[in-house]
Protein backbone atom coordinates (compact mmCIF):
# COMPACT_ATOMS: atom_id res chain seq x y z
CA MET A 1 31.63 -19.69 -136.97
CA GLU A 2 33.07 -22.55 -137.73
CA VAL A 3 30.37 -24.26 -140.00
CA PHE A 4 30.42 -21.09 -142.32
CA ASP A 5 34.26 -21.14 -141.95
CA ALA A 6 34.08 -24.52 -143.40
CA HIS A 7 31.22 -23.51 -146.38
CA ASP A 8 33.54 -21.19 -147.07
CA LYS A 9 36.50 -22.86 -148.31
CA GLY A 10 34.04 -25.54 -149.78
CA GLU A 11 34.16 -27.80 -147.53
CA ILE A 12 30.81 -28.78 -147.34
CA ALA A 13 31.24 -32.22 -145.52
CA LYS A 14 33.01 -30.95 -143.01
CA ALA A 15 30.67 -27.74 -142.94
CA GLU A 16 27.78 -30.70 -142.74
CA SER A 17 29.08 -32.26 -139.74
CA LEU A 18 30.07 -29.35 -137.96
CA TYR A 19 26.63 -28.84 -138.72
CA ASN A 20 25.15 -31.97 -137.30
CA GLU A 21 27.69 -32.21 -134.06
CA LYS A 22 27.69 -28.66 -133.01
CA VAL A 23 24.58 -26.73 -134.04
CA LYS A 24 22.03 -28.79 -135.26
CA PRO A 25 21.11 -30.24 -131.13
CA HIS A 26 21.06 -26.71 -129.91
CA LEU A 27 18.17 -25.41 -132.68
CA PRO A 28 14.58 -25.26 -132.25
CA PRO A 29 12.59 -27.41 -134.50
CA GLU A 30 11.47 -25.03 -136.79
CA GLU A 31 14.97 -23.54 -137.37
CA VAL A 32 16.42 -27.14 -137.70
CA VAL A 33 13.80 -27.95 -140.38
CA TRP A 34 15.30 -24.34 -142.40
CA TRP A 35 18.87 -25.26 -142.14
CA ASP A 36 18.57 -29.09 -142.83
CA ALA A 37 17.09 -27.44 -146.24
CA VAL A 38 20.38 -25.29 -146.22
CA VAL A 39 22.92 -27.62 -146.14
CA LEU A 40 20.57 -29.91 -148.68
CA ARG A 41 21.44 -26.63 -150.92
CA TRP A 42 24.84 -26.19 -149.86
CA LYS A 43 25.82 -30.14 -151.00
CA TYR A 44 23.87 -29.50 -154.02
CA CYS A 45 25.71 -26.43 -155.36
CA ALA A 46 29.24 -28.29 -154.10
CA GLY A 47 28.32 -30.71 -157.32
CA ASP A 48 26.43 -33.44 -154.88
CA SER A 49 23.73 -34.06 -157.59
CA SER A 50 21.66 -36.17 -155.33
CA ALA A 51 20.84 -33.72 -152.82
CA LEU A 52 18.94 -32.17 -155.01
CA ARG A 53 16.35 -35.12 -154.96
CA ALA A 54 16.91 -35.75 -151.09
CA LEU A 55 15.97 -31.18 -151.23
CA GLU A 56 12.90 -31.66 -153.47
CA GLU A 57 11.79 -34.82 -150.95
CA TYR A 58 12.10 -33.01 -147.70
CA ALA A 59 11.06 -29.68 -148.85
CA GLN A 60 7.78 -31.48 -150.19
CA ARG A 61 7.38 -32.90 -146.69
CA GLN A 62 7.93 -30.18 -144.73
CA ASN A 63 6.25 -27.43 -147.47
CA THR A 64 7.96 -24.36 -145.25
CA VAL A 65 8.81 -20.81 -146.84
CA GLY A 66 12.01 -21.63 -146.03
CA THR A 67 12.52 -25.57 -147.26
CA LEU A 68 10.80 -24.07 -150.34
CA LEU A 69 13.33 -21.31 -150.76
CA GLN A 70 16.32 -23.36 -150.50
CA LEU A 71 14.98 -25.70 -153.05
CA ALA A 72 14.02 -22.49 -155.44
CA LEU A 73 17.25 -21.23 -155.50
CA SER A 74 18.90 -24.46 -156.02
CA TYR A 75 16.93 -24.40 -158.90
CA SER A 76 18.02 -20.73 -160.10
CA PHE A 77 21.62 -22.33 -159.11
CA ALA A 78 21.09 -25.16 -162.13
CA ASN A 79 19.63 -22.75 -164.25
CA LYS A 80 15.95 -24.24 -164.40
CA HIS A 81 14.75 -21.42 -164.12
CA GLN A 82 10.91 -21.89 -164.78
CA VAL A 83 11.03 -24.29 -162.09
CA ALA A 84 12.53 -21.92 -160.02
CA ILE A 85 9.73 -19.28 -160.36
CA GLU A 86 7.04 -22.29 -159.64
CA THR A 87 8.32 -22.85 -156.28
CA PHE A 88 9.13 -19.15 -155.34
CA SER A 89 5.86 -18.46 -155.79
CA LYS A 90 5.16 -21.35 -153.66
CA CYS A 91 6.99 -19.32 -151.22
CA LEU A 92 5.08 -15.87 -151.97
CA ASN A 93 1.87 -17.72 -151.18
CA LEU A 94 2.84 -19.72 -147.49
CA GLU A 95 5.29 -16.17 -146.57
CA GLU A 96 2.69 -14.08 -144.49
CA ASP A 97 5.83 -11.06 -143.78
CA ALA A 98 5.59 -8.55 -146.24
CA ASP A 99 9.09 -7.75 -146.44
CA GLU A 100 10.00 -11.57 -146.67
CA LYS A 101 7.08 -10.91 -149.46
CA VAL A 102 9.38 -8.22 -151.21
CA ALA A 103 11.96 -10.20 -150.94
CA ILE A 104 10.54 -12.94 -153.15
CA LEU A 105 8.98 -10.70 -156.15
CA HIS A 106 12.97 -9.64 -156.21
CA ARG A 107 13.66 -13.82 -156.78
CA ILE A 108 10.54 -14.19 -159.11
CA ALA A 109 11.68 -10.88 -161.22
CA THR A 110 15.17 -11.83 -161.01
CA SER A 111 14.59 -15.34 -162.32
CA TYR A 112 12.40 -14.08 -165.67
CA ALA A 113 15.40 -11.83 -166.21
CA LYS A 114 17.65 -14.71 -165.78
CA ASP A 115 15.60 -16.69 -168.33
CA SER A 116 15.18 -13.58 -171.02
CA GLN A 117 11.59 -12.84 -170.06
CA TYR A 118 12.27 -9.73 -169.21
CA ASP A 119 8.72 -8.18 -169.79
CA LYS A 120 7.65 -11.29 -167.42
CA ALA A 121 10.78 -9.50 -165.33
CA VAL A 122 9.00 -5.94 -165.05
CA ASP A 123 5.90 -6.67 -164.55
CA VAL A 124 6.06 -8.55 -161.25
């Protein structure tokens, strides 16, 4: 898919443009919410610091597991592990699928470990 090819090449603006023009019009609303958050995370991780604030506001408005997960991943990328843990915990409270809950718990444990809080990581 062209969007992923552009992303993988570090061409985030092109990936965003392709997403907006070729993918977004064909997605159901709930997937648009998730993908919009993904694109904001991509932009932030590529160096657009304003994208984090935009993602924070977007996640607060949408308050879905998907948007909060993208926000938590962004915090983790920024080495803001405590805020990532708090945000992953919000995801955990909203998530209903048991397998997805396990994946979120893994992310929480990993964030504790990255923050050198190994006892808490093991306890998760």
